[in-house]
Amino acid sequence: GTESQRKDRSLMTNMDKLHVTLSELSLTLSSVSSLSIFEHIITPAEYLSLHLETHLNRAMVSMLNYNQNTKEIQRPSEVLANLGAYITTIHSLAHLVNIDITRAIRSALLQQTQPLNSSGEQTITTIYTNWYLESLLRQASSGLIIHSPAMQSFITTSRDISGEQTFRAEEYSDISEMRALAELIGPYGMKFLSENLMWHITSQVIELKKIVVENMDVLVQIRSNYEKPDQLAALLPRLTSQENLLKR
């Protein structure tokens, strides 16, 4: 940490000047209780509080660094660490401006546990839910990702069909990442994730049931002639929707 120590306290860096300017502006908001502009009364502190909550919502979503084209996203543990540092910085405003910083932070965090925030924009809950369902669950269905009881997480087994290296599932699905995700999106967010996950699983089970019903007669004959290789070999080609079954 010696490189961070000042060689001369009398020298001010650009960051020092910006910090002093921001502090002066913040103190001004506390000293002026209200402003009258074109027959409208504006309270600077309330105005700052309102926009601070909106900014917090957008800042939290931007911490995910989600790329829709490449499907890249930050791990929940990294987002949680960055969010903690960001909130600590925001709390320092309470020393300069007479506003309820804690209320704004709680409101922003609560909105992130819902599918949409107060402005109708996507939240951390929605983005992570869509990513886990579209990326992780889709690759698990195709056999590229399997569950490892020993590691207590999903693991990536091979490359994608296109030859591109897929993400490492164990970096997003182990116990520490799941705990970080639960802390980020809260109980409401976990309920939303669970409901969407169960809907996808149920839809897959329904499609599997349709395939079984479609081949019911042939499956009954296969079961009856399971120990008869000749008849079994003649019955197997009669099964339909085999490719569709493998995709499930």
Protein backbone atom coordinates (compact mmCIF):
# COMPACT_ATOMS: atom_id res chain seq x y z
CA GLY A 1 0.00 0.00 0.00
CA THR A 2 2.99 2.36 -0.08
CA GLU A 3 2.13 3.43 -3.63
CA SER A 4 -1.16 4.83 -2.33
CA GLN A 5 0.49 7.02 0.31
CA ARG A 6 0.82 10.71 -0.52
CA LYS A 7 4.33 12.06 -0.99
CA ASP A 8 3.17 15.61 -0.32
CA ARG A 9 -0.10 16.47 1.43
CA SER A 10 -0.12 19.93 -0.13
CA LEU A 11 -0.51 18.55 -3.66
CA MET A 12 -4.07 17.90 -4.81
CA THR A 13 -4.82 15.32 -7.48
CA ASN A 14 -7.67 15.58 -9.92
CA MET A 15 -9.61 13.05 -7.83
CA ASP A 16 -9.14 15.25 -4.75
CA LYS A 17 -10.57 18.26 -6.57
CA LEU A 18 -13.56 16.26 -7.79
CA HIS A 19 -14.17 14.94 -4.28
CA VAL A 20 -14.08 18.46 -2.80
CA THR A 21 -16.47 19.74 -5.48
CA LEU A 22 -18.88 16.87 -4.88
CA SER A 23 -18.74 17.43 -1.13
CA GLU A 24 -19.52 21.13 -1.56
CA LEU A 25 -22.47 20.37 -3.83
CA SER A 26 -23.77 17.80 -1.36
CA LEU A 27 -23.51 20.21 1.55
CA THR A 28 -25.37 22.82 -0.52
CA LEU A 29 -28.32 20.44 -0.94
CA SER A 30 -28.61 20.20 2.83
CA SER A 31 -28.36 23.96 3.41
CA VAL A 32 -31.10 24.81 0.89
CA SER A 33 -34.39 23.31 2.02
CA SER A 34 -36.45 24.29 -1.05
CA LEU A 35 -36.31 26.20 -4.32
CA SER A 36 -39.06 28.11 -6.10
CA ILE A 37 -38.80 27.72 -9.88
CA PHE A 38 -41.61 28.96 -12.15
CA GLU A 39 -44.17 28.76 -9.35
CA HIS A 40 -43.06 25.23 -8.46
CA ILE A 41 -41.49 24.27 -5.15
CA ILE A 42 -38.56 21.86 -5.49
CA THR A 43 -36.89 20.13 -2.57
CA PRO A 44 -33.29 19.35 -3.56
CA ALA A 45 -32.83 16.61 -0.98
CA GLU A 46 -35.99 14.76 -2.07
CA TYR A 47 -35.05 15.22 -5.72
CA LEU A 48 -31.64 13.66 -5.04
CA SER A 49 -33.19 10.80 -3.08
CA LEU A 50 -35.60 9.97 -5.91
CA HIS A 51 -32.93 9.98 -8.60
CA LEU A 52 -30.49 8.14 -6.34
CA GLU A 53 -32.93 5.21 -6.12
CA THR A 54 -33.31 5.13 -9.91
CA HIS A 55 -29.54 5.28 -10.34
CA LEU A 56 -29.05 2.46 -7.85
CA ASN A 57 -31.41 0.20 -9.81
CA ARG A 58 -29.56 0.80 -13.07
CA ALA A 59 -26.14 0.50 -11.43
CA MET A 60 -27.03 -2.89 -9.92
CA VAL A 61 -28.13 -4.25 -13.30
CA SER A 62 -25.00 -2.89 -15.01
CA MET A 63 -22.81 -4.79 -12.52
CA LEU A 64 -23.89 -8.03 -14.20
CA ASN A 65 -22.05 -7.02 -17.42
CA TYR A 66 -24.54 -9.16 -19.33
CA ASN A 67 -23.88 -9.55 -23.06
CA GLN A 68 -26.91 -10.83 -24.95
CA ASN A 69 -24.84 -11.84 -27.98
CA THR A 70 -22.21 -13.94 -26.21
CA LYS A 71 -24.36 -14.78 -23.15
CA GLU A 72 -21.52 -13.74 -20.88
CA ILE A 73 -22.45 -12.64 -17.37
CA GLN A 74 -20.71 -11.96 -14.07
CA ARG A 75 -20.79 -14.63 -11.40
CA PRO A 76 -23.21 -13.92 -8.51
CA SER A 77 -20.36 -13.85 -5.97
CA GLU A 78 -18.53 -11.16 -7.96
CA VAL A 79 -21.69 -9.08 -8.31
CA LEU A 80 -22.37 -9.41 -4.58
CA ALA A 81 -18.86 -8.22 -3.70
CA ASN A 82 -19.08 -5.25 -6.08
CA LEU A 83 -22.53 -4.37 -4.78
CA GLY A 84 -21.29 -4.37 -1.19
CA ALA A 85 -18.46 -1.96 -2.05
CA TYR A 86 -20.84 0.25 -4.03
CA ILE A 87 -23.38 0.46 -1.20
CA THR A 88 -20.61 1.33 1.27
CA THR A 89 -19.64 4.27 -0.94
CA ILE A 90 -23.26 5.42 -1.26
CA HIS A 91 -23.61 5.34 2.54
CA SER A 92 -20.91 8.04 2.78
CA LEU A 93 -23.41 10.49 1.26
CA ALA A 94 -25.35 10.39 4.51
CA HIS A 95 -22.54 12.40 6.14
CA LEU A 96 -22.98 15.22 3.62
CA VAL A 97 -26.67 15.22 2.63
CA ASN A 98 -29.59 15.04 5.01
CA ILE A 99 -31.49 12.28 3.19
CA ASP A 100 -32.48 8.75 4.12
CA ILE A 101 -29.83 6.78 2.21
CA THR A 102 -30.81 3.52 3.90
CA ARG A 103 -34.41 3.78 2.67
CA ALA A 104 -33.29 4.38 -0.91
CA ILE A 105 -30.92 1.40 -0.80
CA ARG A 106 -33.54 -0.89 0.72
CA SER A 107 -36.09 0.18 -1.87
CA ALA A 108 -33.66 -0.45 -4.72
CA LEU A 109 -32.64 -3.86 -3.34
CA LEU A 110 -36.28 -4.85 -2.88
CA GLN A 111 -37.10 -3.87 -6.46
CA GLN A 112 -34.27 -6.09 -7.70
CA THR A 113 -36.05 -9.11 -6.19
CA GLN A 114 -39.02 -8.55 -8.53
CA PRO A 115 -39.24 -9.32 -12.28
CA LEU A 116 -39.45 -5.57 -13.10
CA ASN A 117 -38.53 -2.47 -11.12
CA SER A 118 -40.72 0.61 -10.61
CA SER A 119 -39.62 1.97 -14.00
CA GLY A 120 -40.62 -1.22 -15.82
CA GLU A 121 -37.00 -2.22 -16.50
CA GLN A 122 -35.47 -5.67 -16.11
CA THR A 123 -33.91 -6.49 -12.76
CA ILE A 124 -31.13 -8.76 -11.54
CA THR A 125 -33.76 -11.41 -10.83
CA THR A 126 -35.08 -11.44 -14.40
CA ILE A 127 -31.65 -11.43 -16.05
CA TYR A 128 -30.21 -14.20 -13.87
CA THR A 129 -33.39 -16.29 -14.20
CA ASN A 130 -33.35 -16.05 -18.00
CA TRP A 131 -29.63 -16.81 -18.12
CA TYR A 132 -29.81 -19.90 -15.91
CA LEU A 133 -32.79 -21.24 -17.83
CA GLU A 134 -31.61 -20.42 -21.35
CA SER A 135 -27.88 -21.12 -21.00
CA LEU A 136 -27.30 -23.60 -18.19
CA LEU A 137 -30.55 -25.60 -18.46
CA ARG A 138 -30.41 -25.73 -22.28
CA GLN A 139 -26.88 -27.14 -22.27
CA ALA A 140 -27.80 -29.56 -19.49
CA SER A 141 -30.63 -30.86 -21.71
CA SER A 142 -28.18 -31.44 -24.57
CA GLY A 143 -25.72 -33.33 -22.35
CA LEU A 144 -22.99 -30.69 -22.33
CA ILE A 145 -23.54 -30.08 -18.61
CA ILE A 146 -24.12 -32.78 -15.97
CA HIS A 147 -24.68 -32.74 -12.23
CA SER A 148 -21.86 -33.91 -9.98
CA PRO A 149 -23.02 -35.09 -6.51
CA ALA A 150 -19.41 -35.15 -5.30
CA MET A 151 -18.79 -31.50 -6.24
CA GLN A 152 -22.39 -30.56 -5.37
CA SER A 153 -22.71 -28.54 -8.56
CA PHE A 154 -23.18 -28.81 -12.31
CA ILE A 155 -20.02 -29.30 -14.35
CA THR A 156 -19.21 -28.80 -18.04
CA THR A 157 -18.25 -32.06 -19.77
CA SER A 158 -17.29 -31.04 -23.33
CA ARG A 159 -17.27 -28.35 -25.99
CA ASP A 160 -20.34 -27.13 -27.79
CA ILE A 161 -21.32 -28.65 -31.14
CA SER A 162 -20.17 -25.48 -32.91
CA GLY A 163 -16.69 -25.97 -31.47
CA GLU A 164 -16.79 -22.90 -29.27
CA GLN A 165 -15.73 -23.28 -25.65
CA THR A 166 -18.76 -23.11 -23.39
CA PHE A 167 -18.73 -21.46 -19.96
CA ARG A 168 -17.71 -23.52 -16.95
CA ALA A 169 -20.94 -24.49 -15.26
CA GLU A 170 -19.21 -25.19 -11.94
CA GLU A 171 -18.28 -21.51 -11.70
CA TYR A 172 -21.97 -20.54 -11.64
CA SER A 173 -23.72 -23.44 -9.91
CA ASP A 174 -21.64 -24.44 -6.88
CA ILE A 175 -22.82 -23.83 -3.32
CA SER A 176 -21.03 -20.50 -2.87
CA GLU A 177 -22.49 -19.08 -6.09
CA MET A 178 -26.00 -20.28 -5.22
CA ARG A 179 -25.72 -18.64 -1.80
CA ALA A 180 -24.55 -15.40 -3.41
CA LEU A 181 -27.42 -15.58 -5.91
CA ALA A 182 -29.94 -16.14 -3.10
CA GLU A 183 -28.54 -13.14 -1.23
CA LEU A 184 -28.74 -10.97 -4.35
CA ILE A 185 -32.30 -11.74 -5.47
CA GLY A 186 -33.78 -12.60 -2.06
CA PRO A 187 -36.69 -14.96 -1.30
CA TYR A 188 -39.00 -13.32 -3.85
CA GLY A 189 -36.40 -13.70 -6.57
CA MET A 190 -35.69 -17.33 -5.65
CA LYS A 191 -39.42 -18.04 -5.80
CA PHE A 192 -39.56 -16.46 -9.27
CA LEU A 193 -36.57 -18.55 -10.39
CA SER A 194 -38.06 -21.73 -8.92
CA GLU A 195 -41.44 -21.18 -10.59
CA ASN A 196 -39.87 -20.61 -14.00
CA LEU A 197 -37.58 -23.61 -13.56
CA MET A 198 -40.49 -25.87 -12.63
CA TRP A 199 -42.46 -24.60 -15.63
CA HIS A 200 -39.63 -25.55 -18.00
CA ILE A 201 -39.20 -28.97 -16.38
CA THR A 202 -42.96 -29.62 -16.48
CA SER A 203 -43.11 -28.73 -20.18
CA GLN A 204 -40.28 -31.20 -20.89
CA VAL A 205 -42.03 -33.94 -18.92
CA ILE A 206 -45.26 -33.32 -20.83
CA GLU A 207 -43.41 -33.69 -24.15
CA LEU A 208 -41.82 -36.92 -22.92
CA LYS A 209 -45.24 -38.21 -21.90
CA LYS A 210 -46.58 -37.47 -25.40
CA ILE A 211 -43.75 -39.53 -26.93
CA VAL A 212 -44.48 -42.43 -24.57
CA VAL A 213 -48.21 -42.35 -25.37
CA GLU A 214 -47.41 -42.20 -29.08
CA ASN A 215 -45.29 -45.37 -28.80
CA MET A 216 -47.38 -47.10 -26.14
CA ASP A 217 -48.32 -50.18 -28.19
CA VAL A 218 -44.79 -50.78 -29.38
CA LEU A 219 -43.35 -50.27 -25.87
CA VAL A 220 -45.76 -52.83 -24.43
CA GLN A 221 -44.69 -55.36 -27.06
CA ILE A 222 -41.00 -54.60 -26.38
CA ARG A 223 -41.53 -55.19 -22.69
CA SER A 224 -43.26 -58.51 -23.39
CA ASN A 225 -40.51 -59.65 -25.76
CA TYR A 226 -37.54 -58.18 -23.92
CA GLU A 227 -35.77 -61.55 -23.68
CA LYS A 228 -36.40 -62.40 -27.36
CA PRO A 229 -33.64 -60.73 -29.41
CA ASP A 230 -35.15 -61.50 -32.80
CA GLN A 231 -38.55 -59.98 -32.06
CA LEU A 232 -36.92 -57.11 -30.12
CA ALA A 233 -34.78 -56.19 -33.13
CA ALA A 234 -37.90 -56.07 -35.31
CA LEU A 235 -39.82 -53.88 -32.83
CA LEU A 236 -37.14 -51.24 -32.12
CA PRO A 237 -37.28 -49.62 -35.61
CA ARG A 238 -41.02 -49.09 -35.15
CA LEU A 239 -40.38 -46.56 -32.37
CA THR A 240 -41.02 -42.97 -33.50
CA SER A 241 -39.75 -39.54 -32.38
CA GLN A 242 -36.40 -40.93 -31.29
CA GLU A 243 -34.51 -37.72 -32.13
CA ASN A 244 -37.09 -35.66 -30.28
CA LEU A 245 -36.62 -37.89 -27.23
CA LEU A 246 -32.86 -37.34 -27.21
CA LYS A 247 -33.37 -33.56 -27.28
CA ARG A 248 -35.38 -33.73 -24.07
